[in-house]
Structure formats: structure tokens, C-alpha cells
Amino acid sequence: GLVGSEMCIRDRVGKNIMNKWCQSCGMPMKQDANGGGSLADGTITTEYCSDCFVGGKFTQPDFTAEDMQQFCFEKITACKIPKFMARMHTKKIPALGRWTNS
């Protein structure tokens, strides 16, 4: 995973992306420098970002949706984004695929 302001600096990916947002953290997939997470065989998946899903496994397997909200809120505010904006971006996390399919 990324720490501090590393998350703020992302390369834009000009690929045809199926999911608009990571189904674990809600990050816009177009901001994922790797174009998505990876399956066990190394294939790229656009269901989850490369911060959340690597080698067919979640990088934070014990997280609840609430844990992910707090984690993302802290990362977003570390990028000097106002707290109200961070709350707006993290409030949809519990409705994403990872948290509704379990």
C-alpha cells in the first residue's frame, strides 16, 4: 500500500477500464498507476485497485468497511484535502462490491 502523500501522486492510465471505482476503497480506477489489482496468476483485474488487491488477495484482509473508511479518510486528509471532501469520498465505501458481496 501507499503511505502519506504517495497516494496523491498518481499516473493517469489511458486504458479501457470496466469499473469506475475500486470495489474495496472507492478510488477512481483511472488514478491507479498499475491499471488495477492483480489476480494470483498476475492478470490485472479492474474490480479492485493495486493498493487493495495483489496476487489474488486483499492487502488488508481483516478490514471491515468501517476500517477502510477510516484508513482512506486519513490518507485523503494527509493529501491536504479538506475533511468534508474526504468524508464525501469515503461515505460510499460500505456500498462497494467487496463489502456488499460478503
Protein backbone atom coordinates (compact mmCIF):
# COMPACT_ATOMS: atom_id res chain seq x y z
CA GLY A 1 0.00 0.00 0.00
CA LEU A 2 0.93 3.61 -0.27
CA VAL A 3 1.73 5.87 2.63
CA GLY A 4 1.27 9.59 3.17
CA SER A 5 1.39 11.76 0.10
CA GLU A 6 2.44 8.92 -2.25
CA MET A 7 -1.27 8.27 -2.79
CA CYS A 8 -1.68 11.86 -4.03
CA ILE A 9 0.78 11.41 -6.87
CA ARG A 10 -0.69 9.03 -9.44
CA ASP A 11 -0.12 8.45 -13.09
CA ARG A 12 -3.20 8.58 -15.28
CA VAL A 13 -3.91 5.32 -17.07
CA GLY A 14 -5.32 5.57 -20.57
CA LYS A 15 -6.85 2.09 -20.62
CA ASN A 16 -10.41 0.96 -21.14
CA ILE A 17 -11.46 0.41 -17.53
CA MET A 18 -14.61 -1.54 -16.70
CA ASN A 19 -15.13 -0.41 -13.11
CA LYS A 20 -15.11 3.29 -12.48
CA TRP A 21 -14.07 2.84 -8.83
CA CYS A 22 -12.18 0.22 -6.85
CA GLN A 23 -14.81 -2.04 -5.27
CA SER A 24 -12.85 -2.06 -1.99
CA CYS A 25 -11.68 1.52 -1.32
CA GLY A 26 -13.60 3.58 -3.89
CA MET A 27 -10.52 5.09 -5.53
CA PRO A 28 -11.16 6.14 -9.14
CA MET A 29 -9.62 3.34 -11.23
CA LYS A 30 -8.26 5.89 -13.71
CA GLN A 31 -5.91 7.02 -10.92
CA ASP A 32 -4.40 3.54 -10.45
CA ALA A 33 -0.89 3.68 -11.91
CA ASN A 34 -0.93 -0.11 -12.41
CA GLY A 35 -4.34 -0.19 -14.14
CA GLY A 36 -5.86 -2.35 -11.40
CA GLY A 37 -5.08 -5.03 -8.86
CA SER A 38 -3.65 -8.43 -9.77
CA LEU A 39 -5.02 -11.96 -9.66
CA ALA A 40 -2.99 -14.93 -8.40
CA ASP A 41 -1.65 -15.56 -11.94
CA GLY A 42 -0.62 -11.92 -12.35
CA THR A 43 -3.54 -10.95 -14.60
CA ILE A 44 -4.76 -7.39 -14.00
CA THR A 45 -8.26 -7.05 -12.54
CA THR A 46 -10.22 -3.81 -12.73
CA GLU A 47 -12.53 -4.82 -9.89
CA TYR A 48 -10.01 -3.63 -7.29
CA CYS A 49 -7.09 -1.20 -7.32
CA SER A 50 -3.46 -2.23 -6.91
CA ASP A 51 -3.41 -0.81 -3.37
CA CYS A 52 -6.22 -3.15 -2.25
CA PHE A 53 -5.71 -6.36 -4.23
CA VAL A 54 -2.38 -8.02 -5.10
CA GLY A 55 -1.74 -11.60 -6.19
CA GLY A 56 -5.38 -12.58 -5.79
CA LYS A 57 -5.53 -11.39 -2.16
CA PHE A 58 -6.68 -8.28 -0.34
CA THR A 59 -3.78 -6.30 1.11
CA GLN A 60 -5.93 -5.57 4.20
CA PRO A 61 -7.83 -8.88 4.59
CA ASP A 62 -9.07 -8.18 8.13
CA PHE A 63 -10.51 -4.73 7.35
CA THR A 64 -14.23 -4.06 7.75
CA ALA A 65 -15.93 -1.42 5.58
CA GLU A 66 -15.63 0.98 8.55
CA ASP A 67 -11.88 0.25 8.85
CA MET A 68 -11.48 1.03 5.14
CA GLN A 69 -13.43 4.27 5.54
CA GLN A 70 -11.12 5.41 8.37
CA PHE A 71 -7.98 4.29 6.51
CA CYS A 72 -8.99 6.17 3.33
CA PHE A 73 -10.16 9.23 5.27
CA GLU A 74 -6.70 9.50 6.87
CA LYS A 75 -4.91 9.05 3.53
CA ILE A 76 -7.11 11.63 1.80
CA THR A 77 -6.70 14.25 4.55
CA ALA A 78 -2.91 13.59 4.55
CA CYS A 79 -3.02 14.90 0.96
CA LYS A 80 -4.26 18.26 2.32
CA ILE A 81 -7.79 17.62 1.06
CA PRO A 82 -10.44 19.18 3.35
CA LYS A 83 -12.13 16.80 5.83
CA PHE A 84 -15.61 17.43 4.37
CA MET A 85 -14.35 16.29 0.96
CA ALA A 86 -12.68 13.23 2.50
CA ARG A 87 -15.97 12.32 4.23
CA MET A 88 -17.83 12.73 0.93
CA HIS A 89 -15.37 10.40 -0.85
CA THR A 90 -15.41 7.73 1.88
CA LYS A 91 -19.13 7.57 2.69
CA LYS A 92 -19.87 5.27 -0.29
CA ILE A 93 -17.30 2.61 0.75
CA PRO A 94 -19.81 0.31 2.60
CA ALA A 95 -21.91 0.11 -0.62
CA LEU A 96 -19.00 -1.12 -2.79
CA GLY A 97 -18.78 -4.70 -4.08
CA ARG A 98 -16.24 -6.04 -1.56
CA TRP A 99 -18.46 -5.07 1.37
CA THR A 100 -21.87 -5.97 -0.08
CA ASN A 101 -20.90 -9.38 -1.52
CA SER A 102 -19.71 -10.91 1.76
